[in-house]
Amino acid sequence: QPAAEALVARAAGRAFWELPDEELSVLGEPGTVGAALRGLGELPDQ
């Protein structure tokens, strides 16, 4: 729940496709949307 809230706050109302490339790059970490998504679980385990 806290990570999801931080993710929404970081996006600041922007849709996923409206985010700049840096938000999905390790070069922009930490604190990016991409880093938050990775923290939710990369591999599709159950």
ModelCIF file with pLDDT and N, C-alpha, C, O atoms, coordinates in Angstrom:
data_MODEL
#
_entry.id   MODEL 
#
_entity.id                         1 
_entity.type                       polymer 
_entity.pdbx_number_of_molecules   1 
#
_entity_poly.entity_id                      1 
_entity_poly.type                           'polypeptide(L)' 
_entity_poly.nstd_linkage                   no 
_entity_poly.nstd_monomer                   no 
_entity_poly.pdbx_seq_one_letter_code       QPAAEALVARAAGRAFWELPDEELSVLGEPGTVGAALRGLGELPDQ 
_entity_poly.pdbx_seq_one_letter_code_can   QPAAEALVARAAGRAFWELPDEELSVLGEPGTVGAALRGLGELPDQ 
_entity_poly.pdbx_strand_id                 A 
#
loop_
_entity_poly_seq.entity_id 
_entity_poly_seq.num 
_entity_poly_seq.mon_id 
_entity_poly_seq.hetero 
1 1  GLN n 
1 2  PRO n 
1 3  ALA n 
1 4  ALA n 
1 5  GLU n 
1 6  ALA n 
1 7  LEU n 
1 8  VAL n 
1 9  ALA n 
1 10 ARG n 
1 11 ALA n 
1 12 ALA n 
1 13 GLY n 
1 14 ARG n 
1 15 ALA n 
1 16 PHE n 
1 17 TRP n 
1 18 GLU n 
1 19 LEU n 
1 20 PRO n 
1 21 ASP n 
1 22 GLU n 
1 23 GLU n 
1 24 LEU n 
1 25 SER n 
1 26 VAL n 
1 27 LEU n 
1 28 GLY n 
1 29 GLU n 
1 30 PRO n 
1 31 GLY n 
1 32 THR n 
1 33 VAL n 
1 34 GLY n 
1 35 ALA n 
1 36 ALA n 
1 37 LEU n 
1 38 ARG n 
1 39 GLY n 
1 40 LEU n 
1 41 GLY n 
1 42 GLU n 
1 43 LEU n 
1 44 PRO n 
1 45 ASP n 
1 46 GLN n 
#
_struct_asym.id          A 
_struct_asym.entity_id   1 
#
loop_
_ma_qa_metric.id 
_ma_qa_metric.mode 
_ma_qa_metric.name 
_ma_qa_metric.software_group_id 
_ma_qa_metric.type 
1 global pLDDT . pLDDT 
2 local  pLDDT . pLDDT 
#
_ma_qa_metric_global.metric_id      1 
_ma_qa_metric_global.metric_value   89.63 
_ma_qa_metric_global.model_id       1 
_ma_qa_metric_global.ordinal_id     1 
#
loop_
_ma_qa_metric_local.label_asym_id 
_ma_qa_metric_local.label_comp_id 
_ma_qa_metric_local.label_seq_id 
_ma_qa_metric_local.metric_id 
_ma_qa_metric_local.metric_value 
_ma_qa_metric_local.model_id 
_ma_qa_metric_local.ordinal_id 
A GLN 1  2 93.00 1 1  
A PRO 2  2 92.00 1 2  
A ALA 3  2 91.00 1 3  
A ALA 4  2 93.00 1 4  
A GLU 5  2 94.00 1 5  
A ALA 6  2 93.00 1 6  
A LEU 7  2 94.00 1 7  
A VAL 8  2 95.00 1 8  
A ALA 9  2 96.00 1 9  
A ARG 10 2 96.00 1 10 
A ALA 11 2 97.00 1 11 
A ALA 12 2 96.00 1 12 
A GLY 13 2 96.00 1 13 
A ARG 14 2 97.00 1 14 
A ALA 15 2 98.00 1 15 
A PHE 16 2 98.00 1 16 
A TRP 17 2 98.00 1 17 
A GLU 18 2 98.00 1 18 
A LEU 19 2 97.00 1 19 
A PRO 20 2 97.00 1 20 
A ASP 21 2 96.00 1 21 
A GLU 22 2 96.00 1 22 
A GLU 23 2 96.00 1 23 
A LEU 24 2 96.00 1 24 
A SER 25 2 96.00 1 25 
A VAL 26 2 94.00 1 26 
A LEU 27 2 93.00 1 27 
A GLY 28 2 92.00 1 28 
A GLU 29 2 90.00 1 29 
A PRO 30 2 92.00 1 30 
A GLY 31 2 91.00 1 31 
A THR 32 2 95.00 1 32 
A VAL 33 2 95.00 1 33 
A GLY 34 2 94.00 1 34 
A ALA 35 2 93.00 1 35 
A ALA 36 2 92.00 1 36 
A LEU 37 2 92.00 1 37 
A ARG 38 2 89.00 1 38 
A GLY 39 2 84.00 1 39 
A LEU 40 2 82.00 1 40 
A GLY 41 2 67.00 1 41 
A GLU 42 2 57.00 1 42 
A LEU 43 2 54.00 1 43 
A PRO 44 2 52.00 1 44 
A ASP 45 2 65.00 1 45 
A GLN 46 2 71.00 1 46 
#
loop_
_atom_site.group_PDB 
_atom_site.id 
_atom_site.type_symbol 
_atom_site.label_atom_id 
_atom_site.label_alt_id 
_atom_site.label_comp_id 
_atom_site.label_asym_id 
_atom_site.label_entity_id 
_atom_site.label_seq_id 
_atom_site.pdbx_PDB_ins_code 
_atom_site.Cartn_x 
_atom_site.Cartn_y 
_atom_site.Cartn_z 
_atom_site.occupancy 
_atom_site.B_iso_or_equiv 
_atom_site.pdbx_formal_charge 
_atom_site.auth_seq_id 
_atom_site.auth_comp_id 
_atom_site.auth_asym_id 
_atom_site.auth_atom_id 
_atom_site.pdbx_PDB_model_num 
ATOM 1   N N  . GLN A 1 1  ? 0.815  -1.214  0.000   1.00 93.00 ? 1  GLN A N  1 
ATOM 2   C CA . GLN A 1 1  ? 0.000  0.000   0.000   1.00 93.00 ? 1  GLN A CA 1 
ATOM 3   C C  . GLN A 1 1  ? 0.853  1.270   0.000   1.00 93.00 ? 1  GLN A C  1 
ATOM 4   O O  . GLN A 1 1  ? 0.586  2.158   -0.810  1.00 93.00 ? 1  GLN A O  1 
ATOM 5   N N  . PRO A 1 2  ? 1.866  1.405   0.867   1.00 92.00 ? 2  PRO A N  1 
ATOM 6   C CA . PRO A 1 2  ? 2.693  2.625   0.822   1.00 92.00 ? 2  PRO A CA 1 
ATOM 7   C C  . PRO A 1 2  ? 3.423  2.796   -0.504  1.00 92.00 ? 2  PRO A C  1 
ATOM 8   O O  . PRO A 1 2  ? 3.524  3.910   -1.018  1.00 92.00 ? 2  PRO A O  1 
ATOM 9   N N  . ALA A 1 3  ? 3.934  1.695   -1.061  1.00 91.00 ? 3  ALA A N  1 
ATOM 10  C CA . ALA A 1 3  ? 4.639  1.783   -2.340  1.00 91.00 ? 3  ALA A CA 1 
ATOM 11  C C  . ALA A 1 3  ? 3.690  2.201   -3.459  1.00 91.00 ? 3  ALA A C  1 
ATOM 12  O O  . ALA A 1 3  ? 4.069  2.977   -4.336  1.00 91.00 ? 3  ALA A O  1 
ATOM 13  N N  . ALA A 1 4  ? 2.455  1.690   -3.434  1.00 93.00 ? 4  ALA A N  1 
ATOM 14  C CA . ALA A 1 4  ? 1.479  2.062   -4.452  1.00 93.00 ? 4  ALA A CA 1 
ATOM 15  C C  . ALA A 1 4  ? 1.133  3.546   -4.354  1.00 93.00 ? 4  ALA A C  1 
ATOM 16  O O  . ALA A 1 4  ? 0.987  4.218   -5.375  1.00 93.00 ? 4  ALA A O  1 
ATOM 17  N N  . GLU A 1 5  ? 1.005  4.051   -3.146  1.00 94.00 ? 5  GLU A N  1 
ATOM 18  C CA . GLU A 1 5  ? 0.710  5.470   -2.965  1.00 94.00 ? 5  GLU A CA 1 
ATOM 19  C C  . GLU A 1 5  ? 1.875  6.334   -3.442  1.00 94.00 ? 5  GLU A C  1 
ATOM 20  O O  . GLU A 1 5  ? 1.666  7.391   -4.037  1.00 94.00 ? 5  GLU A O  1 
ATOM 21  N N  . ALA A 1 6  ? 3.095  5.885   -3.181  1.00 93.00 ? 6  ALA A N  1 
ATOM 22  C CA . ALA A 1 6  ? 4.268  6.630   -3.647  1.00 93.00 ? 6  ALA A CA 1 
ATOM 23  C C  . ALA A 1 6  ? 4.355  6.625   -5.165  1.00 93.00 ? 6  ALA A C  1 
ATOM 24  O O  . ALA A 1 6  ? 4.742  7.622   -5.775  1.00 93.00 ? 6  ALA A O  1 
ATOM 25  N N  . LEU A 1 7  ? 3.997  5.504   -5.771  1.00 94.00 ? 7  LEU A N  1 
ATOM 26  C CA . LEU A 1 7  ? 3.995  5.388   -7.227  1.00 94.00 ? 7  LEU A CA 1 
ATOM 27  C C  . LEU A 1 7  ? 3.024  6.386   -7.846  1.00 94.00 ? 7  LEU A C  1 
ATOM 28  O O  . LEU A 1 7  ? 3.369  7.086   -8.798  1.00 94.00 ? 7  LEU A O  1 
ATOM 29  N N  . VAL A 1 8  ? 1.816  6.450   -7.308  1.00 95.00 ? 8  VAL A N  1 
ATOM 30  C CA . VAL A 1 8  ? 0.816  7.384   -7.821  1.00 95.00 ? 8  VAL A CA 1 
ATOM 31  C C  . VAL A 1 8  ? 1.290  8.824   -7.633  1.00 95.00 ? 8  VAL A C  1 
ATOM 32  O O  . VAL A 1 8  ? 1.115  9.660   -8.519  1.00 95.00 ? 8  VAL A O  1 
ATOM 33  N N  . ALA A 1 9  ? 1.884  9.107   -6.489  1.00 96.00 ? 9  ALA A N  1 
ATOM 34  C CA . ALA A 1 9  ? 2.376  10.464  -6.236  1.00 96.00 ? 9  ALA A CA 1 
ATOM 35  C C  . ALA A 1 9  ? 3.485  10.837  -7.212  1.00 96.00 ? 9  ALA A C  1 
ATOM 36  O O  . ALA A 1 9  ? 3.529  11.964  -7.703  1.00 96.00 ? 9  ALA A O  1 
ATOM 37  N N  . ARG A 1 10 ? 4.376  9.898   -7.493  1.00 96.00 ? 10 ARG A N  1 
ATOM 38  C CA . ARG A 1 10 ? 5.479  10.161  -8.413  1.00 96.00 ? 10 ARG A CA 1 
ATOM 39  C C  . ARG A 1 10 ? 4.962  10.453  -9.825  1.00 96.00 ? 10 ARG A C  1 
ATOM 40  O O  . ARG A 1 10 ? 5.493  11.320  -10.518 1.00 96.00 ? 10 ARG A O  1 
ATOM 41  N N  . ALA A 1 11 ? 3.935  9.733   -10.240 1.00 97.00 ? 11 ALA A N  1 
ATOM 42  C CA . ALA A 1 11 ? 3.386  9.964   -11.578 1.00 97.00 ? 11 ALA A CA 1 
ATOM 43  C C  . ALA A 1 11 ? 2.726  11.325  -11.694 1.00 97.00 ? 11 ALA A C  1 
ATOM 44  O O  . ALA A 1 11 ? 2.667  11.893  -12.784 1.00 97.00 ? 11 ALA A O  1 
ATOM 45  N N  . ALA A 1 12 ? 2.236  11.848  -10.599 1.00 96.00 ? 12 ALA A N  1 
ATOM 46  C CA . ALA A 1 12 ? 1.671  13.207  -10.555 1.00 96.00 ? 12 ALA A CA 1 
ATOM 47  C C  . ALA A 1 12 ? 0.587  13.427  -11.605 1.00 96.00 ? 12 ALA A C  1 
ATOM 48  O O  . ALA A 1 12 ? 0.566  14.448  -12.292 1.00 96.00 ? 12 ALA A O  1 
ATOM 49  N N  . GLY A 1 13 ? -0.311 12.455  -11.716 1.00 96.00 ? 13 GLY A N  1 
ATOM 50  C CA . GLY A 1 13 ? -1.438 12.602  -12.625 1.00 96.00 ? 13 GLY A CA 1 
ATOM 51  C C  . GLY A 1 13 ? -1.165 12.221  -14.064 1.00 96.00 ? 13 GLY A C  1 
ATOM 52  O O  . GLY A 1 13 ? -2.078 12.238  -14.889 1.00 96.00 ? 13 GLY A O  1 
ATOM 53  N N  . ARG A 1 14 ? 0.072  11.879  -14.382 1.00 97.00 ? 14 ARG A N  1 
ATOM 54  C CA . ARG A 1 14 ? 0.409  11.494  -15.754 1.00 97.00 ? 14 ARG A CA 1 
ATOM 55  C C  . ARG A 1 14 ? 0.079  10.026  -15.996 1.00 97.00 ? 14 ARG A C  1 
ATOM 56  O O  . ARG A 1 14 ? 0.256  9.188   -15.112 1.00 97.00 ? 14 ARG A O  1 
ATOM 57  N N  . ALA A 1 15 ? -0.393 9.725   -17.181 1.00 98.00 ? 15 ALA A N  1 
ATOM 58  C CA . ALA A 1 15 ? -0.583 8.335   -17.570 1.00 98.00 ? 15 ALA A CA 1 
ATOM 59  C C  . ALA A 1 15 ? 0.780  7.697   -17.828 1.00 98.00 ? 15 ALA A C  1 
ATOM 60  O O  . ALA A 1 15 ? 1.773  8.398   -18.025 1.00 98.00 ? 15 ALA A O  1 
ATOM 61  N N  . PHE A 1 16 ? 0.821  6.377   -17.826 1.00 98.00 ? 16 PHE A N  1 
ATOM 62  C CA . PHE A 1 16 ? 2.067  5.645   -18.011 1.00 98.00 ? 16 PHE A CA 1 
ATOM 63  C C  . PHE A 1 16 ? 2.779  6.054   -19.296 1.00 98.00 ? 16 PHE A C  1 
ATOM 64  O O  . PHE A 1 16 ? 3.992  6.263   -19.300 1.00 98.00 ? 16 PHE A O  1 
ATOM 65  N N  . TRP A 1 17 ? 2.022  6.168   -20.386 1.00 98.00 ? 17 TRP A N  1 
ATOM 66  C CA . TRP A 1 17 ? 2.625  6.500   -21.675 1.00 98.00 ? 17 TRP A CA 1 
ATOM 67  C C  . TRP A 1 17 ? 3.030  7.963   -21.774 1.00 98.00 ? 17 TRP A C  1 
ATOM 68  O O  . TRP A 1 17 ? 3.716  8.346   -22.722 1.00 98.00 ? 17 TRP A O  1 
ATOM 69  N N  . GLU A 1 18 ? 2.625  8.783   -20.823 1.00 98.00 ? 18 GLU A N  1 
ATOM 70  C CA . GLU A 1 18 ? 3.009  10.192  -20.811 1.00 98.00 ? 18 GLU A CA 1 
ATOM 71  C C  . GLU A 1 18 ? 4.282  10.438  -20.011 1.00 98.00 ? 18 GLU A C  1 
ATOM 72  O O  . GLU A 1 18 ? 4.824  11.543  -20.024 1.00 98.00 ? 18 GLU A O  1 
ATOM 73  N N  . LEU A 1 19 ? 4.752  9.425   -19.327 1.00 97.00 ? 19 LEU A N  1 
ATOM 74  C CA . LEU A 1 19 ? 5.959  9.584   -18.512 1.00 97.00 ? 19 LEU A CA 1 
ATOM 75  C C  . LEU A 1 19 ? 7.194  9.718   -19.400 1.00 97.00 ? 19 LEU A C  1 
ATOM 76  O O  . LEU A 1 19 ? 7.259  9.093   -20.458 1.00 97.00 ? 19 LEU A O  1 
ATOM 77  N N  . PRO A 1 20 ? 8.168  10.521  -18.988 1.00 97.00 ? 20 PRO A N  1 
ATOM 78  C CA . PRO A 1 20 ? 9.417  10.596  -19.751 1.00 97.00 ? 20 PRO A CA 1 
ATOM 79  C C  . PRO A 1 20 ? 10.190 9.291   -19.648 1.00 97.00 ? 20 PRO A C  1 
ATOM 80  O O  . PRO A 1 20 ? 9.999  8.517   -18.709 1.00 97.00 ? 20 PRO A O  1 
ATOM 81  N N  . ASP A 1 21 ? 11.063 9.052   -20.618 1.00 96.00 ? 21 ASP A N  1 
ATOM 82  C CA . ASP A 1 21 ? 11.827 7.810   -20.655 1.00 96.00 ? 21 ASP A CA 1 
ATOM 83  C C  . ASP A 1 21 ? 12.640 7.590   -19.379 1.00 96.00 ? 21 ASP A C  1 
ATOM 84  O O  . ASP A 1 21 ? 12.858 6.449   -18.971 1.00 96.00 ? 21 ASP A O  1 
ATOM 85  N N  . GLU A 1 22 ? 13.086 8.675   -18.750 1.00 96.00 ? 22 GLU A N  1 
ATOM 86  C CA . GLU A 1 22 ? 13.925 8.556   -17.561 1.00 96.00 ? 22 GLU A CA 1 
ATOM 87  C C  . GLU A 1 22 ? 13.204 7.845   -16.414 1.00 96.00 ? 22 GLU A C  1 
ATOM 88  O O  . GLU A 1 22 ? 13.843 7.265   -15.536 1.00 96.00 ? 22 GLU A O  1 
ATOM 89  N N  . GLU A 1 23 ? 11.870 7.895   -16.428 1.00 96.00 ? 23 GLU A N  1 
ATOM 90  C CA . GLU A 1 23 ? 11.113 7.234   -15.363 1.00 96.00 ? 23 GLU A CA 1 
ATOM 91  C C  . GLU A 1 23 ? 11.150 5.717   -15.475 1.00 96.00 ? 23 GLU A C  1 
ATOM 92  O O  . GLU A 1 23 ? 10.806 5.016   -14.524 1.00 96.00 ? 23 GLU A O  1 
ATOM 93  N N  . LEU A 1 24 ? 11.565 5.207   -16.626 1.00 96.00 ? 24 LEU A N  1 
ATOM 94  C CA . LEU A 1 24 ? 11.650 3.758   -16.821 1.00 96.00 ? 24 LEU A CA 1 
ATOM 95  C C  . LEU A 1 24 ? 13.088 3.320   -17.066 1.00 96.00 ? 24 LEU A C  1 
ATOM 96  O O  . LEU A 1 24 ? 13.331 2.276   -17.670 1.00 96.00 ? 24 LEU A O  1 
ATOM 97  N N  . SER A 1 25 ? 14.043 4.125   -16.594 1.00 96.00 ? 25 SER A N  1 
ATOM 98  C CA . SER A 1 25 ? 15.459 3.825   -16.775 1.00 96.00 ? 25 SER A CA 1 
ATOM 99  C C  . SER A 1 25 ? 16.150 3.755   -15.415 1.00 96.00 ? 25 SER A C  1 
ATOM 100 O O  . SER A 1 25 ? 15.828 4.512   -14.499 1.00 96.00 ? 25 SER A O  1 
ATOM 101 N N  . VAL A 1 26 ? 17.107 2.832   -15.302 1.00 94.00 ? 26 VAL A N  1 
ATOM 102 C CA . VAL A 1 26 ? 17.865 2.735   -14.053 1.00 94.00 ? 26 VAL A CA 1 
ATOM 103 C C  . VAL A 1 26 ? 18.727 3.974   -13.844 1.00 94.00 ? 26 VAL A C  1 
ATOM 104 O O  . VAL A 1 26 ? 19.154 4.252   -12.724 1.00 94.00 ? 26 VAL A O  1 
ATOM 105 N N  . LEU A 1 27 ? 18.985 4.718   -14.915 1.00 93.00 ? 27 LEU A N  1 
ATOM 106 C CA . LEU A 1 27 ? 19.811 5.914   -14.796 1.00 93.00 ? 27 LEU A CA 1 
ATOM 107 C C  . LEU A 1 27 ? 19.106 7.014   -14.004 1.00 93.00 ? 27 LEU A C  1 
ATOM 108 O O  . LEU A 1 27 ? 19.752 7.912   -13.466 1.00 93.00 ? 27 LEU A O  1 
ATOM 109 N N  . GLY A 1 28 ? 17.776 6.936   -13.938 1.00 92.00 ? 28 GLY A N  1 
ATOM 110 C CA . GLY A 1 28 ? 17.045 7.943   -13.192 1.00 92.00 ? 28 GLY A CA 1 
ATOM 111 C C  . GLY A 1 28 ? 16.736 7.556   -11.760 1.00 92.00 ? 28 GLY A C  1 
ATOM 112 O O  . GLY A 1 28 ? 16.170 8.351   -11.010 1.00 92.00 ? 28 GLY A O  1 
ATOM 113 N N  . GLU A 1 29 ? 17.099 6.350   -11.375 1.00 90.00 ? 29 GLU A N  1 
ATOM 114 C CA . GLU A 1 29 ? 16.789 5.875   -10.024 1.00 90.00 ? 29 GLU A CA 1 
ATOM 115 C C  . GLU A 1 29 ? 17.730 6.496   -8.998  1.00 90.00 ? 29 GLU A C  1 
ATOM 116 O O  . GLU A 1 29 ? 18.821 6.961   -9.330  1.00 90.00 ? 29 GLU A O  1 
ATOM 117 N N  . PRO A 1 30 ? 17.281 6.491   -7.738  1.00 92.00 ? 30 PRO A N  1 
ATOM 118 C CA . PRO A 1 30 ? 16.074 5.866   -7.178  1.00 92.00 ? 30 PRO A CA 1 
ATOM 119 C C  . PRO A 1 30 ? 14.868 6.775   -7.261  1.00 92.00 ? 30 PRO A C  1 
ATOM 120 O O  . PRO A 1 30 ? 14.959 7.927   -7.687  1.00 92.00 ? 30 PRO A O  1 
ATOM 121 N N  . GLY A 1 31 ? 13.731 6.232   -6.843  1.00 91.00 ? 31 GLY A N  1 
ATOM 122 C CA . GLY A 1 31 ? 12.509 7.017   -6.743  1.00 91.00 ? 31 GLY A CA 1 
ATOM 123 C C  . GLY A 1 31 ? 11.675 7.104   -7.989  1.00 91.00 ? 31 GLY A C  1 
ATOM 124 O O  . GLY A 1 31 ? 10.654 7.792   -7.987  1.00 91.00 ? 31 GLY A O  1 
ATOM 125 N N  . THR A 1 32 ? 12.067 6.426   -9.072  1.00 95.00 ? 32 THR A N  1 
ATOM 126 C CA . THR A 1 32 ? 11.320 6.527   -10.316 1.00 95.00 ? 32 THR A CA 1 
ATOM 127 C C  . THR A 1 32 ? 10.103 5.601   -10.307 1.00 95.00 ? 32 THR A C  1 
ATOM 128 O O  . THR A 1 32 ? 9.976  4.715   -9.461  1.00 95.00 ? 32 THR A O  1 
ATOM 129 N N  . VAL A 1 33 ? 9.214  5.835   -11.276 1.00 95.00 ? 33 VAL A N  1 
ATOM 130 C CA . VAL A 1 33 ? 8.069  4.954   -11.453 1.00 95.00 ? 33 VAL A CA 1 
ATOM 131 C C  . VAL A 1 33 ? 8.546  3.542   -11.798 1.00 95.00 ? 33 VAL A C  1 
ATOM 132 O O  . VAL A 1 33 ? 7.994  2.559   -11.302 1.00 95.00 ? 33 VAL A O  1 
ATOM 133 N N  . GLY A 1 34 ? 9.557  3.444   -12.636 1.00 94.00 ? 34 GLY A N  1 
ATOM 134 C CA . GLY A 1 34 ? 10.077 2.126   -13.007 1.00 94.00 ? 34 GLY A CA 1 
ATOM 135 C C  . GLY A 1 34 ? 10.604 1.352   -11.821 1.00 94.00 ? 34 GLY A C  1 
ATOM 136 O O  . GLY A 1 34 ? 10.367 0.150   -11.707 1.00 94.00 ? 34 GLY A O  1 
ATOM 137 N N  . ALA A 1 35 ? 11.315 2.025   -10.938 1.00 93.00 ? 35 ALA A N  1 
ATOM 138 C CA . ALA A 1 35 ? 11.832 1.355   -9.748  1.00 93.00 ? 35 ALA A CA 1 
ATOM 139 C C  . ALA A 1 35 ? 10.692 0.885   -8.849  1.00 93.00 ? 35 ALA A C  1 
ATOM 140 O O  . ALA A 1 35 ? 10.758 -0.199  -8.269  1.00 93.00 ? 35 ALA A O  1 
ATOM 141 N N  . ALA A 1 36 ? 9.649  1.702   -8.737  1.00 92.00 ? 36 ALA A N  1 
ATOM 142 C CA . ALA A 1 36 ? 8.497  1.322   -7.916  1.00 92.00 ? 36 ALA A CA 1 
ATOM 143 C C  . ALA A 1 36 ? 7.786  0.112   -8.503  1.00 92.00 ? 36 ALA A C  1 
ATOM 144 O O  . ALA A 1 36 ? 7.386  -0.791  -7.768  1.00 92.00 ? 36 ALA A O  1 
ATOM 145 N N  . LEU A 1 37 ? 7.625  0.090   -9.830  1.00 92.00 ? 37 LEU A N  1 
ATOM 146 C CA . LEU A 1 37 ? 6.969  -1.049  -10.469 1.00 92.00 ? 37 LEU A CA 1 
ATOM 147 C C  . LEU A 1 37 ? 7.793  -2.326  -10.286 1.00 92.00 ? 37 LEU A C  1 
ATOM 148 O O  . LEU A 1 37 ? 7.243  -3.397  -10.029 1.00 92.00 ? 37 LEU A O  1 
ATOM 149 N N  . ARG A 1 38 ? 9.088  -2.203  -10.419 1.00 89.00 ? 38 ARG A N  1 
ATOM 150 C CA . ARG A 1 38 ? 9.948  -3.373  -10.226 1.00 89.00 ? 38 ARG A CA 1 
ATOM 151 C C  . ARG A 1 38 ? 9.825  -3.899  -8.799  1.00 89.00 ? 38 ARG A C  1 
ATOM 152 O O  . ARG A 1 38 ? 9.885  -5.107  -8.571  1.00 89.00 ? 38 ARG A O  1 
ATOM 153 N N  . GLY A 1 39 ? 9.656  -3.012  -7.861  1.00 84.00 ? 39 GLY A N  1 
ATOM 154 C CA . GLY A 1 39 ? 9.527  -3.432  -6.473  1.00 84.00 ? 39 GLY A CA 1 
ATOM 155 C C  . GLY A 1 39 ? 8.244  -4.179  -6.183  1.00 84.00 ? 39 GLY A C  1 
ATOM 156 O O  . GLY A 1 39 ? 8.150  -4.876  -5.172  1.00 84.00 ? 39 GLY A O  1 
ATOM 157 N N  . LEU A 1 40 ? 7.240  -4.044  -7.064  1.00 82.00 ? 40 LEU A N  1 
ATOM 158 C CA . LEU A 1 40 ? 5.985  -4.765  -6.856  1.00 82.00 ? 40 LEU A CA 1 
ATOM 159 C C  . LEU A 1 40 ? 6.101  -6.235  -7.221  1.00 82.00 ? 40 LEU A C  1 
ATOM 160 O O  . LEU A 1 40 ? 5.236  -7.035  -6.864  1.00 82.00 ? 40 LEU A O  1 
ATOM 161 N N  . GLY A 1 41 ? 7.155  -6.593  -7.926  1.00 67.00 ? 41 GLY A N  1 
ATOM 162 C CA . GLY A 1 41 ? 7.350  -7.989  -8.309  1.00 67.00 ? 41 GLY A CA 1 
ATOM 163 C C  . GLY A 1 41 ? 7.534  -8.120  -9.798  1.00 67.00 ? 41 GLY A C  1 
ATOM 164 O O  . GLY A 1 41 ? 6.564  -8.048  -10.553 1.00 67.00 ? 41 GLY A O  1 
ATOM 165 N N  . GLU A 1 42 ? 8.756  -8.310  -10.233 1.00 57.00 ? 42 GLU A N  1 
ATOM 166 C CA . GLU A 1 42 ? 9.060  -8.401  -11.657 1.00 57.00 ? 42 GLU A CA 1 
ATOM 167 C C  . GLU A 1 42 ? 8.586  -9.711  -12.265 1.00 57.00 ? 42 GLU A C  1 
ATOM 168 O O  . GLU A 1 42 ? 7.853  -9.708  -13.253 1.00 57.00 ? 42 GLU A O  1 
ATOM 169 N N  . LEU A 1 43 ? 8.993  -10.812 -11.690 1.00 54.00 ? 43 LEU A N  1 
ATOM 170 C CA . LEU A 1 43 ? 8.621  -12.100 -12.250 1.00 54.00 ? 43 LEU A CA 1 
ATOM 171 C C  . LEU A 1 43 ? 7.157  -12.401 -11.955 1.00 54.00 ? 43 LEU A C  1 
ATOM 172 O O  . LEU A 1 43 ? 6.670  -12.105 -10.864 1.00 54.00 ? 43 LEU A O  1 
ATOM 173 N N  . PRO A 1 44 ? 6.457  -12.981 -12.914 1.00 52.00 ? 44 PRO A N  1 
ATOM 174 C CA . PRO A 1 44 ? 5.021  -13.229 -12.714 1.00 52.00 ? 44 PRO A CA 1 
ATOM 175 C C  . PRO A 1 44 ? 4.745  -14.476 -11.883 1.00 52.00 ? 44 PRO A C  1 
ATOM 176 O O  . PRO A 1 44 ? 4.039  -15.374 -12.339 1.00 52.00 ? 44 PRO A O  1 
ATOM 177 N N  . ASP A 1 45 ? 5.285  -14.545 -10.681 1.00 65.00 ? 45 ASP A N  1 
ATOM 178 C CA . ASP A 1 45 ? 4.913  -15.640 -9.790  1.00 65.00 ? 45 ASP A CA 1 
ATOM 179 C C  . ASP A 1 45 ? 3.496  -15.378 -9.295  1.00 65.00 ? 45 ASP A C  1 
ATOM 180 O O  . ASP A 1 45 ? 2.930  -14.317 -9.561  1.00 65.00 ? 45 ASP A O  1 
ATOM 181 N N  . GLN A 1 46 ? 2.927  -16.333 -8.582  1.00 71.00 ? 46 GLN A N  1 
ATOM 182 C CA . GLN A 1 46 ? 1.513  -16.236 -8.238  1.00 71.00 ? 46 GLN A CA 1 
ATOM 183 C C  . GLN A 1 46 ? 1.192  -14.972 -7.464  1.00 71.00 ? 46 GLN A C  1 
ATOM 184 O O  . GLN A 1 46 ? 0.037  -14.748 -7.102  1.00 71.00 ? 46 GLN A O  1 
#
